[in-house]
Amino acid sequence: MRLPGKSPPIIFVSWYCELNYASSNNVAINILNKTRETICEYMELKSYSYQKSENKNWDEVFDNPSDICLTSFQTGTVKINRKGTLNPDLVSVQNEELEVPILAHWVHHDLKGDILLDAGLDISYRDDPLGGLTGTDVDEFIQGLNENIGYHLEKYSVIPNMVFLSHLHADHAVGLREIPGNIPIVVGKGEYQEYDPEAYGDFLRDLDVLWEIDFSHAQEMPYLGRSIDLLGDGSLWAVWTPGHTPGHISFLINGMEGPILLTMDAAFIDENLERGVAPSDYTWDVKQAQESLDKIILFLRDYPQLRVVVGHEALK
C-alpha cells in the first residue's frame, strides 16, 4: 500500500506477536494476549514515513499558512465525572457528572484532499449504549439520530484518503467500522500495545496494515517538543502528547483563518486548560499526562492567537 503522494513509507516492519504470558494465572491478560495474537496473524504494523520540516519554530510555521480547513462532527456523547476529568490529587473538584460530546474532525486540504482526525462512533451505539458488546470493561456511549460518523461523511460527501487517530480508545476510533478499509489508518507508536479488542469491539479487525508514527526521531519544536509535519507543507502537525495513552497525539492545523490546536484527550474539557490540571481518569500515566498538558499551556501562552479544540468540547 502506498500513502497518497508518497513513495512507499516503510522504514521498518514489525509484528507485535511477542506476547507476555508471564502472569499465567491471570486469565484476563491471557485472553487479551490471545486476541492480540489472532490479530497479529493478519494485521501488519508499518512505520509511517515523514521528513523533518524546514521550519524550525512555530513563528515560521504560522507565517506560511495553507488552504486547509476544519469541520468537527459530534458522533455521540459520553458521561464522565468532573472528579477525575480534573485530577483530584492536584486540585479541589466536585463529584459531578458531565455529559460531553464525542468528536471526529474532518480536515479538507485544497491539494491533498480529505483527512479524518479520529473517527468517533459508528451507528452501533444509536440503539445500544454498549454498541452490542458485553462485559464489565465495555464503555457506555449515547448516540442520537444521524450522529454516527458514516452519516456525516455521506452528508458532506467526504471521502477520506487517510485517518490519523489520536489514540485507540473506543470513543475516538470505533467509527473506523464505517470508513472504507482500503485507506491508511495511522496512530502513534505504542498505541497498539494498549489496545483492548474485547472491550472495544475489535474495530481494527478488518485492517491489513496499521501505520505507526515513531516520534523518537521527530524534530523538537518550541514548547511542544516532538512534532511532525504530517503532509510536508506545514499545514497539519502531529504533536506527541503521551500520558492519556502511550502514543497519544494532539494535532495542529495551520490554515488561512489562523492556527487551531486540537489537544484531543491531552485535555478532556476547557477547564483542564483553565486550571492547568490534566485528567486522571482513563489515563495510562498521570504524571506524563500532566507534563504534556503543561507543555500545551506554555505554548498557548506564547501564541494566544490560537483557537483550541479540547478532546470533548466543540470549537467555540
C-alpha atoms as a PDB file:
ATOM      1  CA  MET A   1       0.000   0.000   0.000  1.00  0.00           C
ATOM      2  CA  ARG A   2       1.271   3.476  -0.854  1.00  0.00           C
ATOM      3  CA  LEU A   3       0.386   6.576   1.082  1.00  0.00           C
ATOM      4  CA  PRO A   4      -1.112   9.271  -1.172  1.00  0.00           C
ATOM      5  CA  GLY A   5       1.569  11.343  -2.845  1.00  0.00           C
ATOM      6  CA  LYS A   6       4.450   9.476  -1.218  1.00  0.00           C
ATOM      7  CA  SER A   7       6.872   6.719  -2.008  1.00  0.00           C
ATOM      8  CA  PRO A   8       6.371   3.503  -0.035  1.00  0.00           C
ATOM      9  CA  PRO A   9       6.564   4.694   3.613  1.00  0.00           C
ATOM     10  CA  ILE A  10       8.290   1.672   5.054  1.00  0.00           C
ATOM     11  CA  ILE A  11      11.227   2.329   7.351  1.00  0.00           C
ATOM     12  CA  PHE A  12      10.720  -0.919   9.194  1.00  0.00           C
ATOM     13  CA  VAL A  13       8.032  -3.513   9.577  1.00  0.00           C
ATOM     14  CA  SER A  14       7.309  -5.066  12.938  1.00  0.00           C
ATOM     15  CA  TRP A  15       4.868  -7.695  14.140  1.00  0.00           C
ATOM     16  CA  TYR A  16       3.564  -7.337  17.669  1.00  0.00           C
ATOM     17  CA  CYS A  17       3.293 -11.034  18.388  1.00  0.00           C
ATOM     18  CA  GLU A  18       5.847 -11.000  21.183  1.00  0.00           C
ATOM     19  CA  LEU A  19       3.234 -11.634  23.809  1.00  0.00           C
ATOM     20  CA  ASN A  20       3.898 -11.637  27.507  1.00  0.00           C
ATOM     21  CA  TYR A  21       2.483 -14.630  29.319  1.00  0.00           C
ATOM     22  CA  ALA A  22       4.490 -14.059  32.481  1.00  0.00           C
ATOM     23  CA  SER A  23       1.331 -13.935  34.553  1.00  0.00           C
ATOM     24  CA  SER A  24      -0.060 -17.320  33.512  1.00  0.00           C
ATOM     25  CA  ASN A  25      -2.634 -17.263  36.274  1.00  0.00           C
ATOM     26  CA  ASN A  26      -4.125 -14.007  35.109  1.00  0.00           C
ATOM     27  CA  VAL A  27      -6.954 -15.163  32.872  1.00  0.00           C
ATOM     28  CA  ALA A  28      -7.825 -11.661  31.665  1.00  0.00           C
ATOM     29  CA  ILE A  29      -4.272 -10.972  30.454  1.00  0.00           C
ATOM     30  CA  ASN A  30      -4.099 -14.331  28.692  1.00  0.00           C
ATOM     31  CA  ILE A  31      -7.390 -13.749  26.902  1.00  0.00           C
ATOM     32  CA  LEU A  32      -6.268 -10.289  25.783  1.00  0.00           C
ATOM     33  CA  ASN A  33      -2.918 -11.598  24.564  1.00  0.00           C
ATOM     34  CA  LYS A  34      -4.590 -14.447  22.711  1.00  0.00           C
ATOM     35  CA  THR A  35      -6.856 -11.955  20.976  1.00  0.00           C
ATOM     36  CA  ARG A  36      -3.901  -9.770  20.006  1.00  0.00           C
ATOM     37  CA  GLU A  37      -2.146 -12.900  18.755  1.00  0.00           C
ATOM     38  CA  THR A  38      -5.080 -13.582  16.443  1.00  0.00           C
ATOM     39  CA  ILE A  39      -4.930 -10.019  15.127  1.00  0.00           C
ATOM     40  CA  CYS A  40      -1.190 -10.402  14.544  1.00  0.00           C
ATOM     41  CA  GLU A  41      -1.887 -13.282  12.193  1.00  0.00           C
ATOM     42  CA  TYR A  42      -3.304 -10.899   9.618  1.00  0.00           C
ATOM     43  CA  MET A  43      -2.587  -7.267  10.574  1.00  0.00           C
ATOM     44  CA  GLU A  44       0.816  -5.800   9.872  1.00  0.00           C
ATOM     45  CA  LEU A  45       2.290  -2.805  11.693  1.00  0.00           C
ATOM     46  CA  LYS A  46       4.308  -0.468   9.486  1.00  0.00           C
ATOM     47  CA  SER A  47       6.104   2.773  10.149  1.00  0.00           C
ATOM     48  CA  TYR A  48       4.669   5.986   8.718  1.00  0.00           C
ATOM     49  CA  SER A  49       7.382   7.811   6.807  1.00  0.00           C
ATOM     50  CA  TYR A  50       7.955  11.519   7.331  1.00  0.00           C
ATOM     51  CA  GLN A  51      10.594  14.155   6.719  1.00  0.00           C
ATOM     52  CA  LYS A  52      11.682  16.864   9.101  1.00  0.00           C
ATOM     53  CA  SER A  53      10.248  20.251   8.315  1.00  0.00           C
ATOM     54  CA  GLU A  54      12.381  23.152   7.164  1.00  0.00           C
ATOM     55  CA  ASN A  55      10.533  25.267   9.739  1.00  0.00           C
ATOM     56  CA  LYS A  56      12.486  25.418  12.983  1.00  0.00           C
ATOM     57  CA  ASN A  57       9.928  27.216  15.129  1.00  0.00           C
ATOM     58  CA  TRP A  58       6.202  27.959  15.233  1.00  0.00           C
ATOM     59  CA  ASP A  59       6.602  31.556  14.048  1.00  0.00           C
ATOM     60  CA  GLU A  60       7.962  30.248  10.760  1.00  0.00           C
ATOM     61  CA  VAL A  61       5.094  27.740  10.529  1.00  0.00           C
ATOM     62  CA  PHE A  62       2.365  30.287  11.230  1.00  0.00           C
ATOM     63  CA  ASP A  63       3.867  32.760   8.749  1.00  0.00           C
ATOM     64  CA  ASN A  64       3.132  30.232   5.987  1.00  0.00           C
ATOM     65  CA  PRO A  65      -0.470  29.026   6.325  1.00  0.00           C
ATOM     66  CA  SER A  66      -2.100  26.620   3.884  1.00  0.00           C
ATOM     67  CA  ASP A  67      -5.514  26.173   2.284  1.00  0.00           C
ATOM     68  CA  ILE A  68      -6.737  23.757   4.924  1.00  0.00           C
ATOM     69  CA  CYS A  69      -9.917  23.938   6.986  1.00  0.00           C
ATOM     70  CA  LEU A  70     -11.522  22.078   9.871  1.00  0.00           C
ATOM     71  CA  THR A  71     -15.057  20.811  10.455  1.00  0.00           C
ATOM     72  CA  SER A  72     -15.917  18.874  13.617  1.00  0.00           C
ATOM     73  CA  PHE A  73     -18.676  16.282  13.862  1.00  0.00           C
ATOM     74  CA  GLN A  74     -20.467  15.182  17.035  1.00  0.00           C
ATOM     75  CA  THR A  75     -20.883  11.407  16.825  1.00  0.00           C
ATOM     76  CA  GLY A  76     -22.458  10.934  20.254  1.00  0.00           C
ATOM     77  CA  THR A  77     -21.893  11.813  23.898  1.00  0.00           C
ATOM     78  CA  VAL A  78     -20.350  10.187  26.943  1.00  0.00           C
ATOM     79  CA  LYS A  79     -20.860  10.761  30.657  1.00  0.00           C
ATOM     80  CA  ILE A  80     -17.706  11.458  32.634  1.00  0.00           C
ATOM     81  CA  ASN A  81     -17.100  12.607  36.198  1.00  0.00           C
ATOM     82  CA  ARG A  82     -15.638  16.042  36.772  1.00  0.00           C
ATOM     83  CA  LYS A  83     -13.657  14.490  39.627  1.00  0.00           C
ATOM     84  CA  GLY A  84     -11.152  12.582  37.552  1.00  0.00           C
ATOM     85  CA  THR A  85     -11.606  14.727  34.479  1.00  0.00           C
ATOM     86  CA  LEU A  86      -9.583  17.059  36.689  1.00  0.00           C
ATOM     87  CA  ASN A  87      -7.011  15.186  38.759  1.00  0.00           C
ATOM     88  CA  PRO A  88      -8.386  15.404  42.335  1.00  0.00           C
ATOM     89  CA  ASP A  89      -4.887  14.910  43.752  1.00  0.00           C
ATOM     90  CA  LEU A  90      -3.886  18.313  42.380  1.00  0.00           C
ATOM     91  CA  VAL A  91      -6.997  20.451  42.766  1.00  0.00           C
ATOM     92  CA  SER A  92     -10.237  20.529  44.702  1.00  0.00           C
ATOM     93  CA  VAL A  93     -13.024  19.341  42.422  1.00  0.00           C
ATOM     94  CA  GLN A  94     -16.662  18.387  42.883  1.00  0.00           C
ATOM     95  CA  ASN A  95     -18.004  14.903  42.265  1.00  0.00           C
ATOM     96  CA  GLU A  96     -20.223  15.912  39.349  1.00  0.00           C
ATOM     97  CA  GLU A  97     -21.377  14.019  36.255  1.00  0.00           C
ATOM     98  CA  LEU A  98     -20.798  15.735  32.902  1.00  0.00           C
ATOM     99  CA  GLU A  99     -22.209  14.714  29.536  1.00  0.00           C
ATOM    100  CA  VAL A 100     -19.722  15.706  26.852  1.00  0.00           C
ATOM    101  CA  PRO A 101     -19.576  15.292  23.063  1.00  0.00           C
ATOM    102  CA  ILE A 102     -17.661  12.582  21.235  1.00  0.00           C
ATOM    103  CA  LEU A 103     -15.993  14.246  18.277  1.00  0.00           C
ATOM    104  CA  ALA A 104     -14.428  13.395  14.950  1.00  0.00           C
ATOM    105  CA  HIS A 105     -12.702  16.032  12.834  1.00  0.00           C
ATOM    106  CA  TRP A 106     -12.734  16.463   9.069  1.00  0.00           C
ATOM    107  CA  VAL A 107      -9.752  18.292   7.606  1.00  0.00           C
ATOM    108  CA  HIS A 108     -10.021  19.417   3.997  1.00  0.00           C
ATOM    109  CA  HIS A 109      -6.764  20.312   2.266  1.00  0.00           C
ATOM    110  CA  ASP A 110      -7.050  22.160  -1.031  1.00  0.00           C
ATOM    111  CA  LEU A 111      -4.399  19.962  -2.663  1.00  0.00           C
ATOM    112  CA  LYS A 112      -4.259  16.795  -0.574  1.00  0.00           C
ATOM    113  CA  GLY A 113      -7.975  16.145  -0.157  1.00  0.00           C
ATOM    114  CA  ASP A 114      -9.928  14.947   2.855  1.00  0.00           C
ATOM    115  CA  ILE A 115      -8.418  13.598   6.067  1.00  0.00           C
ATOM    116  CA  LEU A 116     -10.049  12.488   9.304  1.00  0.00           C
ATOM    117  CA  LEU A 117      -8.604  13.149  12.731  1.00  0.00           C
ATOM    118  CA  ASP A 118     -10.297  10.492  14.884  1.00  0.00           C
ATOM    119  CA  ALA A 119     -13.340   8.537  13.768  1.00  0.00           C
ATOM    120  CA  GLY A 120     -15.771   8.879  16.663  1.00  0.00           C
ATOM    121  CA  LEU A 121     -18.641   6.365  16.927  1.00  0.00           C
ATOM    122  CA  ASP A 122     -20.332   4.172  14.358  1.00  0.00           C
ATOM    123  CA  ILE A 123     -24.072   3.512  14.247  1.00  0.00           C
ATOM    124  CA  SER A 124     -23.917   0.502  16.585  1.00  0.00           C
ATOM    125  CA  TYR A 125     -24.397   2.860  19.564  1.00  0.00           C
ATOM    126  CA  ARG A 126     -27.621   4.501  18.365  1.00  0.00           C
ATOM    127  CA  ASP A 127     -29.926   1.946  19.992  1.00  0.00           C
ATOM    128  CA  ASP A 128     -27.480   0.341  22.413  1.00  0.00           C
ATOM    129  CA  PRO A 129     -25.136   2.344  24.681  1.00  0.00           C
ATOM    130  CA  LEU A 130     -22.774  -0.656  24.753  1.00  0.00           C
ATOM    131  CA  GLY A 131     -22.618  -0.930  20.982  1.00  0.00           C
ATOM    132  CA  GLY A 132     -23.657  -4.562  21.075  1.00  0.00           C
ATOM    133  CA  LEU A 133     -20.819  -5.537  23.398  1.00  0.00           C
ATOM    134  CA  THR A 134     -20.945  -7.217  26.796  1.00  0.00           C
ATOM    135  CA  GLY A 135     -18.618  -7.196  29.789  1.00  0.00           C
ATOM    136  CA  THR A 136     -17.682  -5.039  32.742  1.00  0.00           C
ATOM    137  CA  ASP A 137     -14.922  -3.172  30.856  1.00  0.00           C
ATOM    138  CA  VAL A 138     -17.136  -2.008  27.983  1.00  0.00           C
ATOM    139  CA  ASP A 139     -17.707   1.752  27.809  1.00  0.00           C
ATOM    140  CA  GLU A 140     -21.197   3.223  27.502  1.00  0.00           C
ATOM    141  CA  PHE A 141     -21.935   5.940  24.977  1.00  0.00           C
ATOM    142  CA  ILE A 142     -25.063   7.866  23.969  1.00  0.00           C
ATOM    143  CA  GLN A 143     -25.913   8.494  20.339  1.00  0.00           C
ATOM    144  CA  GLY A 144     -28.817  10.326  18.743  1.00  0.00           C
ATOM    145  CA  LEU A 145     -30.285  10.002  15.286  1.00  0.00           C
ATOM    146  CA  ASN A 146     -27.892  10.903  12.465  1.00  0.00           C
ATOM    147  CA  GLU A 147     -24.840  11.328  14.673  1.00  0.00           C
ATOM    148  CA  ASN A 148     -22.706   8.350  13.573  1.00  0.00           C
ATOM    149  CA  ILE A 149     -19.594   9.159  11.561  1.00  0.00           C
ATOM    150  CA  GLY A 150     -20.916   7.383   8.476  1.00  0.00           C
ATOM    151  CA  TYR A 151     -23.883   9.734   8.338  1.00  0.00           C
ATOM    152  CA  HIS A 152     -21.668  12.838   8.495  1.00  0.00           C
ATOM    153  CA  LEU A 153     -19.329  11.562   5.782  1.00  0.00           C
ATOM    154  CA  GLU A 154     -22.242  10.838   3.460  1.00  0.00           C
ATOM    155  CA  LYS A 155     -23.997  14.142   4.203  1.00  0.00           C
ATOM    156  CA  TYR A 156     -20.930  16.202   3.338  1.00  0.00           C
ATOM    157  CA  SER A 157     -19.691  13.873   0.544  1.00  0.00           C
ATOM    158  CA  VAL A 158     -16.435  13.303   2.398  1.00  0.00           C
ATOM    159  CA  ILE A 159     -14.218  10.550   1.009  1.00  0.00           C
ATOM    160  CA  PRO A 160     -11.218  10.458   3.365  1.00  0.00           C
ATOM    161  CA  ASN A 161      -7.923   9.355   1.911  1.00  0.00           C
ATOM    162  CA  MET A 162      -6.343   8.907   5.351  1.00  0.00           C
ATOM    163  CA  VAL A 163      -7.279   8.710   9.026  1.00  0.00           C
ATOM    164  CA  PHE A 164      -4.976   9.876  11.818  1.00  0.00           C
ATOM    165  CA  LEU A 165      -6.090   8.647  15.244  1.00  0.00           C
ATOM    166  CA  SER A 166      -5.135  10.466  18.425  1.00  0.00           C
ATOM    167  CA  HIS A 167      -5.272   7.112  20.237  1.00  0.00           C
ATOM    168  CA  LEU A 168      -7.121   3.805  20.216  1.00  0.00           C
ATOM    169  CA  HIS A 169      -9.826   4.336  22.833  1.00  0.00           C
ATOM    170  CA  ALA A 170     -13.244   3.344  21.516  1.00  0.00           C
ATOM    171  CA  ASP A 171     -14.828   6.808  21.559  1.00  0.00           C
ATOM    172  CA  HIS A 172     -12.121   8.071  19.238  1.00  0.00           C
ATOM    173  CA  ALA A 173     -11.749   5.153  16.873  1.00  0.00           C
ATOM    174  CA  VAL A 174     -14.675   2.709  16.751  1.00  0.00           C
ATOM    175  CA  GLY A 175     -16.132   4.687  13.831  1.00  0.00           C
ATOM    176  CA  LEU A 176     -13.439   3.081  11.657  1.00  0.00           C
ATOM    177  CA  ARG A 177     -16.016   0.360  11.019  1.00  0.00           C
ATOM    178  CA  GLU A 178     -17.903   2.832   8.782  1.00  0.00           C
ATOM    179  CA  ILE A 179     -14.836   4.010   6.882  1.00  0.00           C
ATOM    180  CA  PRO A 180     -13.528   2.244   3.740  1.00  0.00           C
ATOM    181  CA  GLY A 181     -10.892  -0.305   4.666  1.00  0.00           C
ATOM    182  CA  ASN A 182      -8.508   0.498   1.829  1.00  0.00           C
ATOM    183  CA  ILE A 183      -7.184   3.798   3.231  1.00  0.00           C
ATOM    184  CA  PRO A 184      -4.240   4.243   5.630  1.00  0.00           C
ATOM    185  CA  ILE A 185      -5.067   4.336   9.349  1.00  0.00           C
ATOM    186  CA  VAL A 186      -2.273   5.992  11.349  1.00  0.00           C
ATOM    187  CA  VAL A 187      -1.617   6.011  15.128  1.00  0.00           C
ATOM    188  CA  GLY A 188       1.240   6.889  17.440  1.00  0.00           C
ATOM    189  CA  LYS A 189       3.707   4.125  18.153  1.00  0.00           C
ATOM    190  CA  GLY A 190       2.861   2.429  21.437  1.00  0.00           C
ATOM    191  CA  GLU A 191      -0.915   2.584  20.997  1.00  0.00           C
ATOM    192  CA  TYR A 192      -1.402  -0.964  19.792  1.00  0.00           C
ATOM    193  CA  GLN A 193       0.124  -2.486  22.925  1.00  0.00           C
ATOM    194  CA  GLU A 194      -2.718  -0.947  24.973  1.00  0.00           C
ATOM    195  CA  TYR A 195      -5.459  -1.869  22.509  1.00  0.00           C
ATOM    196  CA  ASP A 196      -8.198  -3.979  24.116  1.00  0.00           C
ATOM    197  CA  PRO A 197     -10.243  -5.659  21.358  1.00  0.00           C
ATOM    198  CA  GLU A 198     -12.576  -7.375  23.807  1.00  0.00           C
ATOM    199  CA  ALA A 199     -13.681  -4.075  25.356  1.00  0.00           C
ATOM    200  CA  TYR A 200     -13.587  -2.015  22.147  1.00  0.00           C
ATOM    201  CA  GLY A 201     -15.348  -4.351  19.727  1.00  0.00           C
ATOM    202  CA  ASP A 202     -12.188  -5.024  17.713  1.00  0.00           C
ATOM    203  CA  PHE A 203     -12.556  -2.112  15.307  1.00  0.00           C
ATOM    204  CA  LEU A 204      -9.141  -2.992  13.859  1.00  0.00           C
ATOM    205  CA  ARG A 205     -10.369  -6.411  12.779  1.00  0.00           C
ATOM    206  CA  ASP A 206     -10.635  -5.622   9.058  1.00  0.00           C
ATOM    207  CA  LEU A 207      -7.287  -3.837   8.715  1.00  0.00           C
ATOM    208  CA  ASP A 208      -4.438  -5.406   6.803  1.00  0.00           C
ATOM    209  CA  VAL A 209      -1.999  -2.687   7.889  1.00  0.00           C
ATOM    210  CA  LEU A 210      -1.892  -0.271  10.814  1.00  0.00           C
ATOM    211  CA  TRP A 211       0.561   2.590  10.274  1.00  0.00           C
ATOM    212  CA  GLU A 212       2.522   3.908  13.253  1.00  0.00           C
ATOM    213  CA  ILE A 213       4.231   7.260  13.810  1.00  0.00           C
ATOM    214  CA  ASP A 214       7.527   6.815  15.628  1.00  0.00           C
ATOM    215  CA  PHE A 215       8.221  10.096  17.430  1.00  0.00           C
ATOM    216  CA  SER A 216      11.630   9.013  18.718  1.00  0.00           C
ATOM    217  CA  HIS A 217      13.407  10.858  15.883  1.00  0.00           C
ATOM    218  CA  ALA A 218      10.894  13.685  15.424  1.00  0.00           C
ATOM    219  CA  GLN A 219      12.106  17.266  15.474  1.00  0.00           C
ATOM    220  CA  GLU A 220      11.878  19.234  18.689  1.00  0.00           C
ATOM    221  CA  MET A 221       9.629  22.238  18.278  1.00  0.00           C
ATOM    222  CA  PRO A 222       9.460  25.050  20.871  1.00  0.00           C
ATOM    223  CA  TYR A 223       7.297  24.268  23.902  1.00  0.00           C
ATOM    224  CA  LEU A 224       5.517  21.252  22.380  1.00  0.00           C
ATOM    225  CA  GLY A 225       8.576  19.100  21.826  1.00  0.00           C
ATOM    226  CA  ARG A 226       8.469  16.186  19.382  1.00  0.00           C
ATOM    227  CA  SER A 227       6.331  17.221  16.433  1.00  0.00           C
ATOM    228  CA  ILE A 228       5.887  16.012  12.860  1.00  0.00           C
ATOM    229  CA  ASP A 229       4.831  17.868   9.727  1.00  0.00           C
ATOM    230  CA  LEU A 230       2.438  15.168   8.520  1.00  0.00           C
ATOM    231  CA  LEU A 231       1.820  16.389   4.966  1.00  0.00           C
ATOM    232  CA  GLY A 232       5.174  18.043   4.354  1.00  0.00           C
ATOM    233  CA  ASP A 233       3.832  21.572   3.765  1.00  0.00           C
ATOM    234  CA  GLY A 234       3.369  22.827   7.335  1.00  0.00           C
ATOM    235  CA  SER A 235      -0.423  22.551   7.158  1.00  0.00           C
ATOM    236  CA  LEU A 236      -1.026  19.663   9.576  1.00  0.00           C
ATOM    237  CA  TRP A 237       1.185  18.707  12.502  1.00  0.00           C
ATOM    238  CA  ALA A 238       1.156  15.740  14.864  1.00  0.00           C
ATOM    239  CA  VAL A 239       2.393  16.531  18.369  1.00  0.00           C
ATOM    240  CA  TRP A 240       3.420  13.738  20.721  1.00  0.00           C
ATOM    241  CA  THR A 241       1.481  14.210  23.968  1.00  0.00           C
ATOM    242  CA  PRO A 242       1.811  10.922  25.883  1.00  0.00           C
ATOM    243  CA  GLY A 243       0.129  10.271  29.191  1.00  0.00           C
ATOM    244  CA  HIS A 244      -3.515   9.641  28.417  1.00  0.00           C
ATOM    245  CA  THR A 245      -2.125   6.733  26.380  1.00  0.00           C
ATOM    246  CA  PRO A 246       1.470   5.841  25.433  1.00  0.00           C
ATOM    247  CA  GLY A 247       1.302   7.134  21.869  1.00  0.00           C
ATOM    248  CA  HIS A 248      -1.281   9.877  22.258  1.00  0.00           C
ATOM    249  CA  ILE A 249      -1.233  12.563  19.555  1.00  0.00           C
ATOM    250  CA  SER A 250      -2.508  16.128  19.525  1.00  0.00           C
ATOM    251  CA  PHE A 251      -2.849  17.938  16.195  1.00  0.00           C
ATOM    252  CA  LEU A 252      -2.171  21.440  14.933  1.00  0.00           C
ATOM    253  CA  ILE A 253      -3.883  22.806  11.818  1.00  0.00           C
ATOM    254  CA  ASN A 254      -2.196  25.776  10.125  1.00  0.00           C
ATOM    255  CA  GLY A 255      -4.937  27.285   7.970  1.00  0.00           C
ATOM    256  CA  MET A 256      -5.578  30.630   6.332  1.00  0.00           C
ATOM    257  CA  GLU A 257      -8.031  31.639   9.071  1.00  0.00           C
ATOM    258  CA  GLY A 258      -5.438  31.074  11.769  1.00  0.00           C
ATOM    259  CA  PRO A 259      -3.924  28.058  13.500  1.00  0.00           C
ATOM    260  CA  ILE A 260      -6.047  25.626  15.504  1.00  0.00           C
ATOM    261  CA  LEU A 261      -4.736  23.262  18.168  1.00  0.00           C
ATOM    262  CA  LEU A 262      -6.664  20.054  18.786  1.00  0.00           C
ATOM    263  CA  THR A 263      -5.496  18.746  22.143  1.00  0.00           C
ATOM    264  CA  MET A 264      -7.538  15.567  21.761  1.00  0.00           C
ATOM    265  CA  ASP A 265      -7.530  13.828  25.169  1.00  0.00           C
ATOM    266  CA  ALA A 266      -4.480  15.644  26.490  1.00  0.00           C
ATOM    267  CA  ALA A 267      -7.292  17.886  27.804  1.00  0.00           C
ATOM    268  CA  PHE A 268     -10.820  16.497  28.080  1.00  0.00           C
ATOM    269  CA  ILE A 269     -12.574  19.828  28.698  1.00  0.00           C
ATOM    270  CA  ASP A 270     -11.661  23.531  28.630  1.00  0.00           C
ATOM    271  CA  GLU A 271     -11.331  23.536  32.417  1.00  0.00           C
ATOM    272  CA  ASN A 272      -8.244  21.333  32.139  1.00  0.00           C
ATOM    273  CA  LEU A 273      -6.519  24.226  30.365  1.00  0.00           C
ATOM    274  CA  GLU A 274      -8.049  26.942  32.513  1.00  0.00           C
ATOM    275  CA  ARG A 275      -6.936  25.339  35.787  1.00  0.00           C
ATOM    276  CA  GLY A 276      -3.762  23.752  34.460  1.00  0.00           C
ATOM    277  CA  VAL A 277      -4.708  20.271  35.669  1.00  0.00           C
ATOM    278  CA  ALA A 278      -4.719  17.178  33.457  1.00  0.00           C
ATOM    279  CA  PRO A 279      -7.239  14.340  33.683  1.00  0.00           C
ATOM    280  CA  SER A 280      -6.541  11.311  35.839  1.00  0.00           C
ATOM    281  CA  ASP A 281      -9.463   9.072  34.826  1.00  0.00           C
ATOM    282  CA  TYR A 282      -8.937   6.765  31.834  1.00  0.00           C
ATOM    283  CA  THR A 283      -5.268   7.775  31.944  1.00  0.00           C
ATOM    284  CA  TRP A 284      -2.329   5.462  31.303  1.00  0.00           C
ATOM    285  CA  ASP A 285       0.315   7.613  33.056  1.00  0.00           C
ATOM    286  CA  VAL A 286      -0.973  10.529  35.158  1.00  0.00           C
ATOM    287  CA  LYS A 287       2.464  12.120  35.553  1.00  0.00           C
ATOM    288  CA  GLN A 288       3.142  12.123  31.823  1.00  0.00           C
ATOM    289  CA  ALA A 289      -0.359  13.417  31.148  1.00  0.00           C
ATOM    290  CA  GLN A 290       0.322  16.435  33.359  1.00  0.00           C
ATOM    291  CA  GLU A 291       3.677  17.043  31.676  1.00  0.00           C
ATOM    292  CA  SER A 292       2.010  17.024  28.258  1.00  0.00           C
ATOM    293  CA  LEU A 293      -0.667  19.457  29.413  1.00  0.00           C
ATOM    294  CA  ASP A 294       1.983  21.749  30.910  1.00  0.00           C
ATOM    295  CA  LYS A 295       3.711  21.940  27.519  1.00  0.00           C
ATOM    296  CA  ILE A 296       0.452  22.822  25.786  1.00  0.00           C
ATOM    297  CA  ILE A 297      -0.312  25.583  28.301  1.00  0.00           C
ATOM    298  CA  LEU A 298       3.131  27.161  27.872  1.00  0.00           C
ATOM    299  CA  PHE A 299       2.699  27.016  24.102  1.00  0.00           C
ATOM    300  CA  LEU A 300      -0.711  28.696  24.245  1.00  0.00           C
ATOM    301  CA  ARG A 301       0.590  31.469  26.491  1.00  0.00           C
ATOM    302  CA  ASP A 302       3.142  32.393  23.841  1.00  0.00           C
ATOM    303  CA  TYR A 303       0.661  32.009  20.975  1.00  0.00           C
ATOM    304  CA  PRO A 304      -2.646  33.356  22.332  1.00  0.00           C
ATOM    305  CA  GLN A 305      -3.998  33.776  18.798  1.00  0.00           C
ATOM    306  CA  LEU A 306      -4.508  30.023  18.513  1.00  0.00           C
ATOM    307  CA  ARG A 307      -8.001  28.630  18.688  1.00  0.00           C
ATOM    308  CA  VAL A 308      -8.241  25.451  20.722  1.00  0.00           C
ATOM    309  CA  VAL A 309     -10.410  22.344  20.497  1.00  0.00           C
ATOM    310  CA  VAL A 310     -10.130  20.071  23.535  1.00  0.00           C
ATOM    311  CA  GLY A 311     -10.991  16.382  23.444  1.00  0.00           C
ATOM    312  CA  HIS A 312     -14.636  16.618  24.471  1.00  0.00           C
ATOM    313  CA  GLU A 313     -15.798  20.162  23.795  1.00  0.00           C
ATOM    314  CA  ALA A 314     -16.554  21.760  20.438  1.00  0.00           C
ATOM    315  CA  LEU A 315     -14.626  24.685  18.978  1.00  0.00           C
ATOM    316  CA  LYS A 316     -16.010  27.955  20.286  1.00  0.00           C
END
